């Protein structure tokens, strides 16, 4: 049996178990354990966490790892290194790969790549429809049996309401959540930014909030009809948040996530046509940004997910209309979230970390996000007051399309431990 490791003198914050105290934490053979008896303490390895917060490893329900088929943007190795550098020990990867993850074989391919390359836990999702084309249902049962933890069409939204109803019904039969990017294409058309004053001023095609609101409403109706669990990705509009709030009050089986970029920036950030601020849904108006913060504060929005979407510099370095949607976010998420929620005094540190740990894990019923005895030793040591400025060439991700480059953040991961193994420490991947 291996030695016991003692994380000494840190402030242990475990929101799942309502724990917030300066204490020691012990793990052995990849699992959290009780403190050893006094006669066995000579077999203890120590990690000094004085002045740091010891928290469950962060959980991200929304990343794009581009495997298979798009490894020029990201690989399992670089993507999970970025996760570890951000304090994330568990991530859920979307199925919009090349080919899409609409068969058991593709899910197995991803799992094999994860087994070879990953330094954190990776949970795959399968497609709702074949080829993510929104026309025929993918084999939900086969995808679940292959290891998919949910079904989604990635960055696409099923437009056929009847087909979506069947998808939710089948997924409910297999006890799988449905994850949806909410967008009515007839309303969003070719919009590249939020429809409003800024889009008019910049001369860019706008996508109205109603494109999101309509599909959020559709999903609420279908969840209420079927009882199936639908999880709403990167919710961004004030109207959509209000719809979710009222649906939850009625007991509808709906959950929602918000991203660090939608809670940090409004569409005014687009004044210089920087494509690192181009994402879908687009950055909304300031009132929408505030509504996201309010929704996180009152529990309407269940968790925070990065939507980590890597693209190469040559893909992003084009006219705004032609650049792909999406930004990376794993390595900057903690600092951005702490700034908007904890340092702004909207939420306690425990309440803020809960949105990135147990509450995220609970959405997809992942057995993560806890420091309870017997749980996996997935742990992040963080300094919530450390100020730092992200630089593109310092990212562990293969891509650098980040809106936080050159912007001061407050709060950073010092050490990331996955299954009892130190994977990241002070800027370096050790695995």
Protein backbone atom coordinates (compact mmCIF):
# COMPACT_ATOMS: atom_id res chain seq x y z
CA UNK A 1 0.00 0.00 0.00
CA UNK A 2 1.31 3.45 -0.92
CA UNK A 3 2.07 6.18 1.63
CA UNK A 4 -0.68 8.45 2.86
CA UNK A 5 -0.47 12.03 1.57
CA UNK A 6 -1.34 14.88 3.90
CA UNK A 7 -2.32 18.26 2.47
CA UNK A 8 -1.36 20.40 5.41
CA UNK A 9 -2.64 23.69 6.74
CA UNK A 10 -4.92 24.79 3.92
CA UNK A 11 -8.42 26.21 4.08
CA UNK A 12 -10.51 23.20 3.06
CA UNK A 13 -13.66 24.29 1.20
CA UNK A 14 -15.91 21.39 0.24
CA UNK A 15 -19.30 22.85 -0.71
CA UNK A 16 -20.90 19.43 -1.25
CA UNK A 17 -20.33 18.56 2.41
CA UNK A 18 -20.76 22.12 3.71
CA UNK A 19 -17.20 22.19 4.97
CA UNK A 20 -15.14 25.38 5.27
CA UNK A 21 -12.30 25.22 7.78
CA UNK A 22 -8.53 25.30 8.13
CA UNK A 23 -7.68 21.63 8.35
CA UNK A 24 -5.57 18.83 6.93
CA UNK A 25 -6.79 16.58 4.14
CA UNK A 26 -5.53 13.03 3.60
CA UNK A 27 -5.59 10.73 0.60
CA UNK A 28 -4.11 7.34 -0.25
CA UNK A 29 -4.17 5.24 -3.43
CA UNK A 30 -6.15 7.93 -5.22
CA UNK A 31 -8.93 8.18 -2.62
CA UNK A 32 -9.73 10.63 0.21
CA UNK A 33 -9.18 8.86 3.55
CA UNK A 34 -9.58 9.45 7.26
CA UNK A 35 -6.58 10.87 9.16
CA UNK A 36 -4.19 8.06 10.03
CA UNK A 37 -3.68 6.88 13.57
CA UNK A 38 -0.74 8.38 15.45
CA UNK A 39 1.35 5.22 15.20
CA UNK A 40 1.29 5.27 11.37
CA UNK A 41 2.22 8.89 10.77
CA UNK A 42 5.78 8.06 9.85
CA UNK A 43 4.38 6.81 6.52
CA UNK A 44 2.88 10.19 5.59
CA UNK A 45 3.98 12.43 2.70
CA UNK A 46 3.18 16.13 3.20
CA UNK A 47 2.06 18.87 0.82
CA UNK A 48 2.15 22.33 2.38
CA UNK A 49 -1.04 24.24 1.56
CA UNK A 50 -0.54 27.11 4.01
CA UNK A 51 -2.28 30.23 2.73
CA UNK A 52 -4.09 28.28 0.00
CA UNK A 53 -7.63 27.02 -0.47
CA UNK A 54 -8.03 23.26 -0.85
CA UNK A 55 -11.11 22.49 -2.93
CA UNK A 56 -12.50 19.61 -4.98
CA UNK A 57 -11.10 19.54 -8.49
CA UNK A 58 -13.21 21.74 -10.76
CA UNK A 59 -15.76 20.15 -13.11
CA UNK A 60 -16.51 21.51 -16.61
CA UNK A 61 -19.59 20.23 -18.44
CA UNK A 62 -18.78 21.85 -21.78
CA UNK A 63 -15.48 21.54 -23.65
CA UNK A 64 -14.59 20.91 -27.29
CA UNK A 65 -11.52 18.71 -27.60
CA UNK A 66 -11.58 18.36 -31.42
CA UNK A 67 -10.75 14.62 -31.37
CA UNK A 68 -11.19 12.98 -33.79
CA UNK A 69 -10.48 15.02 -36.89
CA UNK A 70 -9.50 18.53 -35.78
CA UNK A 71 -6.27 18.01 -33.89
CA UNK A 72 -4.73 21.12 -35.46
CA UNK A 73 -6.92 23.01 -32.93
CA UNK A 74 -6.65 20.80 -29.85
CA UNK A 75 -5.79 17.27 -28.80
CA UNK A 76 -6.76 15.23 -25.78
CA UNK A 77 -3.26 15.80 -24.43
CA UNK A 78 -3.24 19.59 -24.84
CA UNK A 79 -6.88 20.00 -23.88
CA UNK A 80 -6.56 18.06 -20.65
CA UNK A 81 -3.30 19.85 -19.85
CA UNK A 82 -5.22 23.12 -20.18
CA UNK A 83 -7.89 21.71 -17.88
CA UNK A 84 -5.35 20.74 -15.24
CA UNK A 85 -3.73 24.18 -15.48
CA UNK A 86 -7.13 25.69 -14.74
CA UNK A 87 -7.83 23.41 -11.78
CA UNK A 88 -10.29 21.20 -13.67
CA UNK A 89 -10.00 17.49 -12.91
CA UNK A 90 -13.14 16.39 -14.80
CA UNK A 91 -14.47 17.62 -18.14
CA UNK A 92 -17.33 16.65 -20.45
CA UNK A 93 -16.43 16.81 -24.13
CA UNK A 94 -18.92 17.67 -26.86
CA UNK A 95 -19.58 15.41 -29.87
CA UNK A 96 -19.05 17.93 -32.71
CA UNK A 97 -15.91 16.23 -33.94
CA UNK A 98 -14.95 15.00 -37.43
CA UNK A 99 -16.70 12.63 -37.81
CA UNK A 100 -19.31 13.53 -35.21
CA UNK A 101 -19.66 11.20 -32.23
CA UNK A 102 -22.93 9.67 -33.45
CA UNK A 103 -21.86 6.01 -33.22
CA UNK A 104 -20.54 3.73 -30.52
CA UNK A 105 -17.36 3.35 -32.55
CA UNK A 106 -16.55 7.06 -32.40
CA UNK A 107 -17.26 7.15 -28.66
CA UNK A 108 -14.83 4.24 -28.25
CA UNK A 109 -12.24 6.06 -30.37
CA UNK A 110 -12.48 9.06 -28.05
CA UNK A 111 -12.24 6.85 -24.96
CA UNK A 112 -9.14 5.17 -26.36
CA UNK A 113 -7.52 8.55 -27.01
CA UNK A 114 -8.44 9.62 -23.47
CA UNK A 115 -6.86 6.49 -22.03
CA UNK A 116 -3.62 7.19 -23.93
CA UNK A 117 -3.30 10.95 -23.52
CA UNK A 118 -5.56 12.47 -20.88
CA UNK A 119 -4.23 13.82 -17.60
CA UNK A 120 -7.72 14.55 -16.20
CA UNK A 121 -11.01 12.65 -16.29
CA UNK A 122 -12.85 13.05 -19.62
CA UNK A 123 -16.50 12.10 -20.09
CA UNK A 124 -17.73 11.89 -23.71
CA UNK A 125 -21.14 12.83 -25.04
CA UNK A 126 -22.87 11.42 -28.11
CA UNK A 127 -24.94 13.14 -30.78
CA UNK A 128 -28.69 13.68 -30.68
CA UNK A 129 -28.97 13.27 -34.45
CA UNK A 130 -26.98 11.46 -37.12
CA UNK A 131 -24.17 13.73 -38.32
CA UNK A 132 -25.64 16.51 -36.14
CA UNK A 133 -27.83 17.26 -39.17
CA UNK A 134 -31.10 17.41 -37.22
CA UNK A 135 -32.89 14.91 -39.46
CA UNK A 136 -32.61 11.41 -37.93
CA UNK A 137 -32.03 10.35 -34.35
CA UNK A 138 -28.65 8.85 -33.52
CA UNK A 139 -28.70 5.46 -31.68
CA UNK A 140 -29.18 6.76 -28.16
CA UNK A 141 -29.00 3.40 -26.43
CA UNK A 142 -25.81 2.38 -28.22
CA UNK A 143 -24.20 5.68 -27.35
CA UNK A 144 -25.08 5.27 -23.70
CA UNK A 145 -23.79 1.69 -23.65
CA UNK A 146 -20.54 2.90 -25.24
CA UNK A 147 -20.02 5.38 -22.40
CA UNK A 148 -21.73 8.63 -23.38
CA UNK A 149 -22.90 10.54 -20.29
CA UNK A 150 -25.39 12.67 -22.26
CA UNK A 151 -26.49 13.41 -25.81
CA UNK A 152 -26.07 16.73 -27.58
CA UNK A 153 -25.59 18.12 -31.07
CA UNK A 154 -22.68 20.22 -29.83
CA UNK A 155 -22.90 23.73 -31.21
CA UNK A 156 -26.00 22.91 -33.23
CA UNK A 157 -29.66 23.01 -32.22
CA UNK A 158 -32.30 20.55 -33.44
CA UNK A 159 -34.84 22.74 -35.24
CA UNK A 160 -37.53 20.08 -35.72
CA UNK A 161 -39.60 20.19 -32.54
CA UNK A 162 -41.17 16.79 -33.14
CA UNK A 163 -37.77 15.18 -33.59
CA UNK A 164 -36.50 16.91 -30.45
CA UNK A 165 -39.48 15.58 -28.50
CA UNK A 166 -38.64 12.03 -29.57
CA UNK A 167 -34.98 12.59 -28.71
CA UNK A 168 -35.88 13.69 -25.18
CA UNK A 169 -38.30 10.77 -24.77
CA UNK A 170 -35.72 8.20 -25.87
CA UNK A 171 -32.98 9.78 -23.75
CA UNK A 172 -35.33 9.74 -20.75
CA UNK A 173 -35.90 6.00 -21.30
CA UNK A 174 -32.14 5.48 -21.11
CA UNK A 175 -31.76 7.88 -18.17
CA UNK A 176 -29.57 10.23 -20.24
CA UNK A 177 -29.71 14.03 -20.06
CA UNK A 178 -30.10 15.98 -23.30
CA UNK A 179 -27.72 18.94 -23.63
CA UNK A 180 -28.89 21.68 -25.99
CA UNK A 181 -27.40 24.75 -27.62
CA UNK A 182 -30.54 26.89 -27.84
CA UNK A 183 -30.82 28.77 -31.13
CA UNK A 184 -33.68 29.27 -33.59
CA UNK A 185 -31.88 29.55 -36.93
CA UNK A 186 -34.75 31.38 -38.61
CA UNK A 187 -34.36 34.16 -36.05
CA UNK A 188 -30.57 34.19 -35.71
CA UNK A 189 -30.12 33.94 -39.50
CA UNK A 190 -26.49 34.85 -40.26
CA UNK A 191 -25.99 36.94 -37.13
CA UNK A 192 -22.44 37.24 -35.82
CA UNK A 193 -23.05 39.53 -32.82
CA UNK A 194 -25.95 40.43 -30.56
CA UNK A 195 -28.69 42.37 -32.32
CA UNK A 196 -28.89 45.87 -30.88
CA UNK A 197 -27.14 49.21 -30.71
CA UNK A 198 -23.63 47.75 -30.99
CA UNK A 199 -24.42 45.62 -34.05
CA UNK A 200 -25.95 48.65 -35.76
CA UNK A 201 -23.00 50.86 -34.85
CA UNK A 202 -20.44 48.33 -36.08
CA UNK A 203 -22.38 47.37 -39.19
CA UNK A 204 -22.45 43.69 -38.26
CA UNK A 205 -25.36 41.29 -38.72
CA UNK A 206 -27.18 40.83 -35.43
CA UNK A 207 -28.65 37.75 -33.76
CA UNK A 208 -31.53 38.68 -31.42
CA UNK A 209 -32.00 37.29 -27.92
CA UNK A 210 -35.32 35.90 -29.12
CA UNK A 211 -33.41 33.26 -31.11
CA UNK A 212 -32.29 31.85 -27.76
CA UNK A 213 -35.50 32.56 -25.86
CA UNK A 214 -37.71 30.66 -28.32
CA UNK A 215 -35.65 27.46 -28.06
CA UNK A 216 -35.33 27.72 -24.29
CA UNK A 217 -39.14 27.94 -24.18
CA UNK A 218 -39.40 24.95 -26.53
CA UNK A 219 -37.14 22.90 -24.28
CA UNK A 220 -39.09 23.84 -21.16
CA UNK A 221 -42.29 22.68 -22.85
CA UNK A 222 -40.75 19.39 -24.01
CA UNK A 223 -39.20 18.69 -20.62
CA UNK A 224 -42.53 19.35 -18.92
CA UNK A 225 -44.27 17.06 -21.42
CA UNK A 226 -41.85 14.16 -21.25
CA UNK A 227 -40.25 14.47 -17.82
CA UNK A 228 -36.87 14.27 -19.54
CA UNK A 229 -33.89 16.25 -18.29
CA UNK A 230 -32.73 18.98 -20.68
CA UNK A 231 -29.61 20.94 -19.85
CA UNK A 232 -29.31 24.36 -21.47
CA UNK A 233 -25.83 25.35 -22.57
CA UNK A 234 -24.25 28.81 -22.24
CA UNK A 235 -27.46 30.65 -21.42
CA UNK A 236 -26.96 34.32 -22.28
CA UNK A 237 -30.18 36.35 -22.39
CA UNK A 238 -32.21 37.98 -19.67
CA UNK A 239 -35.40 36.61 -21.20
CA UNK A 240 -34.13 33.04 -21.29
CA UNK A 241 -33.01 33.23 -17.67
CA UNK A 242 -36.47 34.42 -16.64
CA UNK A 243 -38.05 31.52 -18.55
CA UNK A 244 -35.80 29.06 -16.72
CA UNK A 245 -36.54 30.68 -13.37
CA UNK A 246 -40.28 30.30 -13.85
CA UNK A 247 -39.94 26.75 -15.19
CA UNK A 248 -37.95 25.66 -12.15
CA UNK A 249 -40.59 27.16 -9.87
CA UNK A 250 -43.04 24.75 -11.54
CA UNK A 251 -40.71 21.78 -11.06
CA UNK A 252 -39.69 21.33 -14.70
CA UNK A 253 -36.61 19.10 -15.12
CA UNK A 254 -34.44 21.87 -16.62
CA UNK A 255 -30.88 22.85 -15.74
CA UNK A 256 -28.70 25.61 -17.17
CA UNK A 257 -25.09 26.73 -17.34
CA UNK A 258 -23.41 30.09 -17.89
CA UNK A 259 -19.91 30.75 -19.22
CA UNK A 260 -17.19 32.98 -17.75
CA UNK A 261 -17.16 35.08 -20.94
CA UNK A 262 -20.89 35.78 -20.98
CA UNK A 263 -20.80 36.75 -17.30
CA UNK A 264 -17.71 38.97 -17.76
CA UNK A 265 -18.20 40.81 -21.05
CA UNK A 266 -21.00 42.59 -22.89
CA UNK A 267 -21.20 43.38 -26.61
CA UNK A 268 -19.40 46.68 -26.02
CA UNK A 269 -16.18 44.61 -25.96
CA UNK A 270 -16.52 44.24 -29.75
CA UNK A 271 -15.62 47.84 -30.56
CA UNK A 272 -12.27 46.82 -32.08
CA UNK A 273 -13.66 43.86 -34.07
CA UNK A 274 -11.49 41.44 -32.08
CA UNK A 275 -12.56 37.95 -33.18
CA UNK A 276 -11.51 36.56 -29.78
CA UNK A 277 -14.81 38.04 -28.61
CA UNK A 278 -16.83 36.22 -31.28
CA UNK A 279 -18.82 33.34 -29.82
CA UNK A 280 -22.26 31.78 -30.19
CA UNK A 281 -24.45 32.74 -28.45
CA UNK A 282 -22.89 36.19 -28.85
CA UNK A 283 -21.96 38.53 -26.07
CA UNK A 284 -25.21 40.25 -25.15
CA UNK A 285 -26.14 43.66 -23.77
CA UNK A 286 -25.08 44.75 -20.29
CA UNK A 287 -28.55 44.01 -18.87
CA UNK A 288 -28.20 40.42 -20.05
CA UNK A 289 -24.77 40.12 -18.43
CA UNK A 290 -26.16 41.36 -15.13
CA UNK A 291 -29.08 38.93 -15.44
CA UNK A 292 -26.57 36.06 -15.73
CA UNK A 293 -24.88 37.15 -12.52
CA UNK A 294 -28.27 37.45 -10.82
CA UNK A 295 -29.21 33.98 -12.07
CA UNK A 296 -26.03 32.47 -10.70
CA UNK A 297 -26.58 34.24 -7.40
CA UNK A 298 -30.18 33.08 -6.90
CA UNK A 299 -29.66 29.52 -8.19
CA UNK A 300 -31.61 29.83 -11.44
CA UNK A 301 -28.42 28.94 -13.30
CA UNK A 302 -27.06 25.69 -11.94
CA UNK A 303 -23.38 25.87 -12.77
CA UNK A 304 -20.58 27.48 -14.75
CA UNK A 305 -19.04 25.80 -17.80
CA UNK A 306 -16.29 27.20 -20.01
CA UNK A 307 -17.51 26.23 -23.48
CA UNK A 308 -13.78 25.83 -24.24
CA UNK A 309 -13.67 26.07 -28.06
CA UNK A 310 -10.14 26.18 -29.51
CA UNK A 311 -9.41 27.58 -32.97
CA UNK A 312 -6.11 28.29 -34.70
CA UNK A 313 -4.76 31.82 -35.10
CA UNK A 314 -5.14 31.68 -38.88
CA UNK A 315 -8.81 30.75 -38.53
CA UNK A 316 -9.50 33.63 -36.17
CA UNK A 317 -7.27 36.19 -37.94
CA UNK A 318 -9.79 37.06 -40.67
CA UNK A 319 -12.66 39.52 -41.13
CA UNK A 320 -15.10 39.32 -38.23
CA UNK A 321 -17.92 37.93 -40.39
CA UNK A 322 -15.82 34.96 -41.48
CA UNK A 323 -14.08 34.01 -38.23
CA UNK A 324 -15.36 30.89 -36.43
CA UNK A 325 -17.37 31.23 -33.24
CA UNK A 326 -15.76 30.26 -29.96
CA UNK A 327 -13.11 31.04 -27.36
CA UNK A 328 -10.94 28.98 -25.04
CA UNK A 329 -11.55 29.26 -21.32
CA UNK A 330 -10.22 26.42 -19.19
CA UNK A 331 -7.10 28.19 -17.91
CA UNK A 332 -8.75 31.54 -17.18
CA UNK A 333 -12.12 30.41 -15.82
CA UNK A 334 -11.27 30.44 -12.12
CA UNK A 335 -9.88 33.97 -12.12
CA UNK A 336 -12.76 35.31 -14.21
CA UNK A 337 -15.43 33.65 -12.07
CA UNK A 338 -13.86 34.68 -8.75
CA UNK A 339 -13.68 38.24 -10.00
CA UNK A 340 -17.33 38.44 -10.99
CA UNK A 341 -18.84 36.54 -8.07
CA UNK A 342 -16.49 36.31 -5.08
CA UNK A 343 -14.35 39.43 -5.21
CA UNK A 344 -17.43 41.47 -6.16
CA UNK A 345 -19.07 40.10 -2.99
CA UNK A 346 -22.04 38.58 -4.81
CA UNK A 347 -21.28 35.11 -3.41
CA UNK A 348 -19.08 33.59 -0.73
CA UNK A 349 -15.97 31.71 -1.79
CA UNK A 350 -17.73 28.42 -1.01
CA UNK A 351 -20.79 29.48 -3.00
CA UNK A 352 -18.64 30.46 -5.95
CA UNK A 353 -16.61 27.25 -5.94
CA UNK A 354 -19.80 25.22 -5.67
CA UNK A 355 -20.79 26.41 -9.17
CA UNK A 356 -17.54 24.96 -10.48
CA UNK A 357 -17.50 21.72 -8.47
CA UNK A 358 -20.43 19.84 -6.93
CA UNK A 359 -23.22 21.74 -8.62
CA UNK A 360 -21.66 21.12 -12.02
CA UNK A 361 -21.14 17.43 -11.24
CA UNK A 362 -24.71 17.07 -9.98
CA UNK A 363 -26.20 18.26 -13.30
CA UNK A 364 -24.98 15.12 -15.09
CA UNK A 365 -24.84 12.97 -11.95
CA UNK A 366 -21.08 12.61 -12.17
CA UNK A 367 -19.48 11.13 -9.05
CA UNK A 368 -17.17 14.12 -8.71
CA UNK A 369 -16.93 17.47 -6.95
CA UNK A 370 -16.56 16.26 -3.35
CA UNK A 371 -13.81 15.82 -0.77
CA UNK A 372 -15.80 13.31 1.27
CA UNK A 373 -14.15 10.17 2.64
CA UNK A 374 -13.97 7.54 -0.10
CA UNK A 375 -14.22 10.05 -2.93
CA UNK A 376 -11.60 10.26 -5.66
CA UNK A 377 -8.62 12.40 -4.67
CA UNK A 378 -9.32 15.03 -7.33
CA UNK A 379 -8.15 18.22 -5.65
CA UNK A 380 -7.24 21.79 -6.57
CA UNK A 381 -5.07 24.07 -4.44
CA UNK A 382 -5.86 27.66 -5.31
CA UNK A 383 -4.83 31.15 -4.31
CA UNK A 384 -8.01 33.21 -4.66
CA UNK A 385 -6.14 36.51 -4.27
CA UNK A 386 -3.25 35.93 -6.67
CA UNK A 387 -3.27 38.52 -9.45
CA UNK A 388 -1.99 37.50 -12.87
CA UNK A 389 -2.29 38.44 -16.52
CA UNK A 390 -2.82 35.66 -19.10
CA UNK A 391 -0.47 35.60 -22.08
CA UNK A 392 -1.23 33.63 -25.21
CA UNK A 393 2.13 31.88 -25.46
CA UNK A 394 1.80 30.62 -21.88
CA UNK A 395 -1.40 28.65 -22.46
CA UNK A 396 -1.21 24.87 -22.29
CA UNK A 397 -4.02 24.67 -24.84
CA UNK A 398 -2.93 24.26 -28.45
CA UNK A 399 -4.90 27.41 -29.34
CA UNK A 400 -4.74 30.98 -28.06
CA UNK A 401 -8.17 32.40 -28.95
CA UNK A 402 -8.83 33.91 -25.52
CA UNK A 403 -10.58 37.20 -24.69
CA UNK A 404 -8.61 37.43 -21.43
CA UNK A 405 -5.15 37.83 -22.93
CA UNK A 406 -3.55 40.91 -21.37
CA UNK A 407 -6.36 41.39 -18.82
CA UNK A 408 -5.74 41.27 -15.08
CA UNK A 409 -7.38 38.33 -13.29
CA UNK A 410 -7.52 37.66 -9.56
CA UNK A 411 -7.40 34.03 -8.49
CA UNK A 412 -5.27 31.19 -9.81
CA UNK A 413 -4.67 27.49 -9.44
CA UNK A 414 -1.38 26.54 -7.79
CA UNK A 415 -1.62 22.74 -7.83
CA UNK A 416 -3.98 20.22 -9.44
CA UNK A 417 -4.16 16.62 -8.19
CA UNK A 418 -6.02 13.95 -10.20
CA UNK A 419 -6.72 10.56 -8.59
CA UNK A 420 -4.00 11.29 -6.05
CA UNK A 421 -1.36 12.24 -8.61
CA UNK A 422 -0.01 15.78 -8.87
CA UNK A 423 -0.59 16.75 -12.50
CA UNK A 424 0.01 20.52 -12.41
CA UNK A 425 2.08 22.73 -10.14
CA UNK A 426 3.07 26.39 -10.45
CA UNK A 427 2.71 26.65 -14.20
CA UNK A 428 4.03 23.23 -15.21
CA UNK A 429 2.34 20.00 -16.24
CA UNK A 430 4.08 17.19 -14.38
CA UNK A 431 2.38 14.16 -15.96
